[in-house]
Every structure is written in C-alpha cells, then in structure tokens.
Amino acid sequence: MKFDLVSRFRFMAIVAGIMSILLWFVYMPVKYLLENESWHQSTIWIPMVHGYLYPIYVLFAIQLSVAKRWKTINILGLILAGTLPIASIWAERYVVRKYGN
C-alpha cells in the first residue's frame, strides 16, 4: 500500500476531524451542560486522545504543505483546520482535489 504525504495527511485529517467532532459535540456538552459525573467519566478519554492526535495532524500538515511549497498563510490555515469540527475534513477534500490520490 502506498502511503505518501497526501495519504498520511488524509488519514490524520479524517481522524482529527472525527476527534474534533467528538470533543465539541459529545465531551463539551457532557462536561459543561449536563451535570452527570458518570457520563463525564465515560467521555474523559476524548480530549486526551484529541490532544495526542492533533500534534500528529499538525506535523503531517506542515510536512505536506512544505513539500508542496505552500505560502505560510495557507500552512497556518491547514493547521488551524484541525481545531474546528469538520474543517480538517474539508481541508482533506481540498488537498485531494488539488493533488489527487
């Protein structure tokens, strides 16, 4: 299986997008809106996993964008896409349309 820069970025963008969705729409409401400690304890893994995976997404995004010689502002946009739900998945679609895979 070929696992080039675009493939690695695609994988991490999708994973980061899913984790961001879980963080924003599962963990945050459970922690801040619902006052159920057992639910909070069962979702505590979400921010931890997101915290470990986001830096990997950032490294792959930087690696891809430097290899493709993107402008600094575009690199920052790609990095910040991992912080918003769905944005990293949108960035993944953009990269695939532009560079194929």
N, C-alpha and C. Protein backbone atom coordinates (compact mmCIF):
# COMPACT_ATOMS: atom_id res chain seq x y z
N MET A 1 0.84 -1.19 0.00
CA MET A 1 0.00 0.00 0.00
C MET A 1 0.88 1.25 0.00
N LYS A 2 0.59 2.13 -0.90
CA LYS A 2 1.34 3.39 -1.00
C LYS A 2 0.83 4.35 0.08
N PHE A 3 1.75 4.85 0.88
CA PHE A 3 1.36 5.76 1.97
C PHE A 3 2.20 7.02 1.86
N ASP A 4 1.93 7.82 0.85
CA ASP A 4 2.69 9.04 0.59
C ASP A 4 2.20 10.19 1.47
N LEU A 5 2.71 11.38 1.21
CA LEU A 5 2.35 12.55 2.02
C LEU A 5 0.86 12.83 2.02
N VAL A 6 0.25 12.76 0.86
CA VAL A 6 -1.18 13.06 0.77
C VAL A 6 -1.98 12.02 1.52
N SER A 7 -1.62 10.75 1.40
CA SER A 7 -2.34 9.68 2.11
C SER A 7 -2.23 9.84 3.62
N ARG A 8 -1.03 10.14 4.09
CA ARG A 8 -0.85 10.34 5.54
C ARG A 8 -1.66 11.53 6.03
N PHE A 9 -1.62 12.63 5.26
CA PHE A 9 -2.41 13.79 5.65
C PHE A 9 -3.89 13.47 5.65
N ARG A 10 -4.35 12.78 4.61
CA ARG A 10 -5.78 12.41 4.53
C ARG A 10 -6.21 11.64 5.77
N PHE A 11 -5.43 10.63 6.13
CA PHE A 11 -5.77 9.80 7.28
C PHE A 11 -5.86 10.64 8.56
N MET A 12 -4.84 11.46 8.79
CA MET A 12 -4.82 12.25 10.02
C MET A 12 -5.88 13.34 10.00
N ALA A 13 -6.21 13.89 8.84
CA ALA A 13 -7.25 14.92 8.75
C ALA A 13 -8.60 14.33 9.11
N ILE A 14 -8.87 13.13 8.63
CA ILE A 14 -10.14 12.49 8.95
C ILE A 14 -10.21 12.13 10.42
N VAL A 15 -9.13 11.56 10.96
CA VAL A 15 -9.09 11.21 12.38
C VAL A 15 -9.23 12.46 13.25
N ALA A 16 -8.49 13.52 12.90
CA ALA A 16 -8.58 14.77 13.67
C ALA A 16 -9.97 15.36 13.58
N GLY A 17 -10.61 15.26 12.42
CA GLY A 17 -11.97 15.76 12.27
C GLY A 17 -12.96 15.00 13.13
N ILE A 18 -12.85 13.69 13.15
CA ILE A 18 -13.73 12.88 13.98
C ILE A 18 -13.51 13.18 15.46
N MET A 19 -12.26 13.28 15.86
CA MET A 19 -11.97 13.59 17.27
C MET A 19 -12.45 14.99 17.64
N SER A 20 -12.34 15.93 16.72
CA SER A 20 -12.82 17.29 16.98
C SER A 20 -14.34 17.31 17.13
N ILE A 21 -15.03 16.55 16.28
CA ILE A 21 -16.49 16.45 16.40
C ILE A 21 -16.87 15.85 17.74
N LEU A 22 -16.18 14.78 18.14
CA LEU A 22 -16.45 14.16 19.45
C LEU A 22 -16.17 15.14 20.59
N LEU A 23 -15.08 15.89 20.47
CA LEU A 23 -14.73 16.85 21.51
C LEU A 23 -15.79 17.94 21.65
N TRP A 24 -16.18 18.54 20.53
CA TRP A 24 -17.12 19.66 20.56
C TRP A 24 -18.56 19.24 20.85
N PHE A 25 -18.99 18.10 20.31
CA PHE A 25 -20.41 17.75 20.37
C PHE A 25 -20.75 16.61 21.32
N VAL A 26 -19.74 15.98 21.91
CA VAL A 26 -20.01 14.95 22.91
C VAL A 26 -19.41 15.37 24.25
N TYR A 27 -18.08 15.52 24.27
CA TYR A 27 -17.41 15.79 25.54
C TYR A 27 -17.80 17.14 26.15
N MET A 28 -17.74 18.21 25.36
CA MET A 28 -18.04 19.55 25.89
C MET A 28 -19.46 19.67 26.45
N PRO A 29 -20.49 19.22 25.72
CA PRO A 29 -21.84 19.28 26.31
C PRO A 29 -21.98 18.44 27.58
N VAL A 30 -21.35 17.25 27.57
CA VAL A 30 -21.44 16.40 28.77
C VAL A 30 -20.77 17.09 29.94
N LYS A 31 -19.62 17.69 29.70
CA LYS A 31 -18.89 18.32 30.81
C LYS A 31 -19.56 19.61 31.29
N TYR A 32 -19.98 20.47 30.37
CA TYR A 32 -20.42 21.80 30.76
C TYR A 32 -21.93 21.99 30.84
N LEU A 33 -22.70 21.16 30.16
CA LEU A 33 -24.15 21.34 30.18
C LEU A 33 -24.87 20.32 31.06
N LEU A 34 -24.39 19.11 31.05
CA LEU A 34 -25.01 18.06 31.84
C LEU A 34 -24.21 17.87 33.13
N GLU A 35 -24.89 17.73 34.20
CA GLU A 35 -24.19 17.58 35.47
C GLU A 35 -24.24 16.12 35.91
N ASN A 36 -23.75 15.25 35.04
CA ASN A 36 -23.75 13.83 35.33
C ASN A 36 -22.30 13.36 35.36
N GLU A 37 -21.79 13.09 36.53
CA GLU A 37 -20.38 12.73 36.69
C GLU A 37 -20.03 11.41 36.01
N SER A 38 -20.92 10.45 35.99
CA SER A 38 -20.59 9.18 35.35
C SER A 38 -20.47 9.34 33.83
N TRP A 39 -21.30 10.19 33.22
CA TRP A 39 -21.16 10.45 31.79
C TRP A 39 -19.85 11.16 31.51
N HIS A 40 -19.50 12.11 32.38
CA HIS A 40 -18.24 12.82 32.20
C HIS A 40 -17.06 11.86 32.30
N GLN A 41 -17.10 10.95 33.24
CA GLN A 41 -16.02 9.98 33.39
C GLN A 41 -15.92 9.04 32.18
N SER A 42 -17.05 8.74 31.57
CA SER A 42 -17.02 7.84 30.42
C SER A 42 -16.57 8.54 29.14
N THR A 43 -16.53 9.86 29.13
CA THR A 43 -16.08 10.59 27.94
C THR A 43 -14.75 11.30 28.15
N ILE A 44 -14.11 11.10 29.28
CA ILE A 44 -12.86 11.80 29.60
C ILE A 44 -11.73 11.45 28.63
N TRP A 45 -11.83 10.32 27.96
CA TRP A 45 -10.79 9.90 27.02
C TRP A 45 -10.76 10.77 25.76
N ILE A 46 -11.86 11.41 25.42
CA ILE A 46 -11.95 12.17 24.17
C ILE A 46 -10.93 13.31 24.11
N PRO A 47 -10.86 14.21 25.11
CA PRO A 47 -9.86 15.28 24.98
C PRO A 47 -8.42 14.76 25.07
N MET A 48 -8.22 13.66 25.78
CA MET A 48 -6.86 13.10 25.87
C MET A 48 -6.40 12.57 24.51
N VAL A 49 -7.26 11.81 23.84
CA VAL A 49 -6.91 11.26 22.53
C VAL A 49 -6.75 12.39 21.52
N HIS A 50 -7.66 13.36 21.56
CA HIS A 50 -7.55 14.51 20.65
C HIS A 50 -6.23 15.26 20.90
N GLY A 51 -5.86 15.40 22.15
CA GLY A 51 -4.62 16.10 22.49
C GLY A 51 -3.37 15.40 21.98
N TYR A 52 -3.41 14.09 21.90
CA TYR A 52 -2.27 13.34 21.37
C TYR A 52 -2.27 13.31 19.85
N LEU A 53 -3.44 13.28 19.23
CA LEU A 53 -3.51 13.15 17.78
C LEU A 53 -3.37 14.47 17.04
N TYR A 54 -3.80 15.56 17.64
CA TYR A 54 -3.72 16.86 16.94
C TYR A 54 -2.28 17.24 16.58
N PRO A 55 -1.29 17.06 17.47
CA PRO A 55 0.09 17.39 17.05
C PRO A 55 0.58 16.54 15.88
N ILE A 56 0.12 15.31 15.79
CA ILE A 56 0.50 14.47 14.66
C ILE A 56 -0.12 15.03 13.38
N TYR A 57 -1.39 15.45 13.47
CA TYR A 57 -2.04 16.11 12.33
C TYR A 57 -1.25 17.35 11.92
N VAL A 58 -0.83 18.15 12.88
CA VAL A 58 -0.07 19.38 12.58
C VAL A 58 1.23 19.03 11.86
N LEU A 59 1.94 18.01 12.35
CA LEU A 59 3.19 17.63 11.70
C LEU A 59 2.97 17.17 10.26
N PHE A 60 1.93 16.36 10.03
CA PHE A 60 1.65 15.91 8.67
C PHE A 60 1.21 17.07 7.79
N ALA A 61 0.45 18.00 8.34
CA ALA A 61 0.01 19.17 7.56
C ALA A 61 1.21 20.04 7.17
N ILE A 62 2.12 20.24 8.10
CA ILE A 62 3.32 21.03 7.80
C ILE A 62 4.18 20.31 6.76
N GLN A 63 4.35 19.01 6.94
CA GLN A 63 5.16 18.24 6.01
C GLN A 63 4.59 18.30 4.59
N LEU A 64 3.29 18.13 4.46
CA LEU A 64 2.66 18.18 3.15
C LEU A 64 2.76 19.57 2.53
N SER A 65 2.44 20.59 3.30
CA SER A 65 2.41 21.94 2.75
C SER A 65 3.80 22.46 2.41
N VAL A 66 4.82 22.07 3.16
CA VAL A 66 6.19 22.47 2.82
C VAL A 66 6.64 21.74 1.55
N ALA A 67 6.30 20.46 1.44
CA ALA A 67 6.67 19.70 0.24
C ALA A 67 6.00 20.27 -1.00
N LYS A 68 4.79 20.78 -0.85
CA LYS A 68 4.05 21.35 -1.98
C LYS A 68 4.33 22.84 -2.15
N ARG A 69 5.19 23.39 -1.30
CA ARG A 69 5.62 24.80 -1.36
C ARG A 69 4.48 25.79 -1.24
N TRP A 70 3.66 25.58 -0.23
CA TRP A 70 2.55 26.48 0.03
C TRP A 70 3.05 27.74 0.72
N LYS A 71 2.26 28.80 0.61
CA LYS A 71 2.56 30.04 1.33
C LYS A 71 2.31 29.82 2.82
N THR A 72 2.95 30.61 3.65
CA THR A 72 2.83 30.48 5.10
C THR A 72 1.39 30.62 5.57
N ILE A 73 0.64 31.53 5.00
CA ILE A 73 -0.75 31.74 5.41
C ILE A 73 -1.59 30.49 5.12
N ASN A 74 -1.30 29.82 4.01
CA ASN A 74 -2.02 28.59 3.69
C ASN A 74 -1.64 27.45 4.64
N ILE A 75 -0.38 27.42 5.03
CA ILE A 75 0.07 26.41 6.00
C ILE A 75 -0.65 26.62 7.33
N LEU A 76 -0.74 27.87 7.76
CA LEU A 76 -1.44 28.17 9.02
C LEU A 76 -2.92 27.80 8.93
N GLY A 77 -3.53 28.05 7.78
CA GLY A 77 -4.93 27.68 7.59
C GLY A 77 -5.13 26.18 7.68
N LEU A 78 -4.22 25.43 7.11
CA LEU A 78 -4.30 23.98 7.17
C LEU A 78 -4.13 23.48 8.61
N ILE A 79 -3.23 24.10 9.35
CA ILE A 79 -3.03 23.72 10.75
C ILE A 79 -4.27 24.06 11.58
N LEU A 80 -4.79 25.25 11.39
CA LEU A 80 -5.97 25.67 12.15
C LEU A 80 -7.22 24.89 11.79
N ALA A 81 -7.25 24.29 10.61
CA ALA A 81 -8.40 23.49 10.22
C ALA A 81 -8.62 22.32 11.17
N GLY A 82 -7.57 21.87 11.83
CA GLY A 82 -7.70 20.77 12.78
C GLY A 82 -8.34 21.17 14.09
N THR A 83 -8.58 22.44 14.30
CA THR A 83 -9.15 22.89 15.57
C THR A 83 -10.66 23.03 15.53
N LEU A 84 -11.24 23.06 14.34
CA LEU A 84 -12.69 23.24 14.22
C LEU A 84 -13.34 21.96 13.71
N PRO A 85 -14.51 21.63 14.23
CA PRO A 85 -15.19 20.44 13.73
C PRO A 85 -15.44 20.55 12.22
N ILE A 86 -15.21 19.52 11.54
CA ILE A 86 -15.44 19.37 10.10
C ILE A 86 -14.38 20.10 9.25
N ALA A 87 -13.70 21.09 9.77
CA ALA A 87 -12.76 21.87 8.96
C ALA A 87 -11.60 21.02 8.45
N SER A 88 -11.10 20.11 9.26
CA SER A 88 -9.99 19.28 8.77
C SER A 88 -10.47 18.32 7.68
N ILE A 89 -11.72 17.89 7.77
CA ILE A 89 -12.26 17.03 6.71
C ILE A 89 -12.44 17.84 5.42
N TRP A 90 -12.86 19.09 5.56
CA TRP A 90 -12.96 19.97 4.40
C TRP A 90 -11.56 20.19 3.80
N ALA A 91 -10.55 20.40 4.64
CA ALA A 91 -9.18 20.60 4.17
C ALA A 91 -8.68 19.34 3.46
N GLU A 92 -9.04 18.19 3.98
CA GLU A 92 -8.65 16.92 3.36
C GLU A 92 -9.23 16.83 1.95
N ARG A 93 -10.49 17.19 1.79
CA ARG A 93 -11.14 17.16 0.48
C ARG A 93 -10.45 18.14 -0.48
N TYR A 94 -10.08 19.31 0.03
CA TYR A 94 -9.38 20.30 -0.79
C TYR A 94 -8.04 19.75 -1.29
N VAL A 95 -7.29 19.15 -0.39
CA VAL A 95 -5.97 18.61 -0.75
C VAL A 95 -6.13 17.48 -1.76
N VAL A 96 -7.09 16.62 -1.58
CA VAL A 96 -7.30 15.51 -2.52
C VAL A 96 -7.70 16.04 -3.89
N ARG A 97 -8.59 17.03 -3.94
CA ARG A 97 -8.97 17.61 -5.23
C ARG A 97 -7.78 18.26 -5.92
N LYS A 98 -6.93 18.89 -5.14
CA LYS A 98 -5.79 19.61 -5.74
C LYS A 98 -4.66 18.68 -6.15
N TYR A 99 -4.34 17.67 -5.33
CA TYR A 99 -3.20 16.82 -5.58
C TYR A 99 -3.54 15.38 -5.92
N GLY A 100 -4.82 15.04 -5.82
CA GLY A 100 -5.24 13.69 -6.16
C GLY A 100 -4.70 12.64 -5.20
N ASN A 101 -5.27 11.47 -5.30
CA ASN A 101 -4.79 10.33 -4.52
C ASN A 101 -5.78 9.23 -4.56
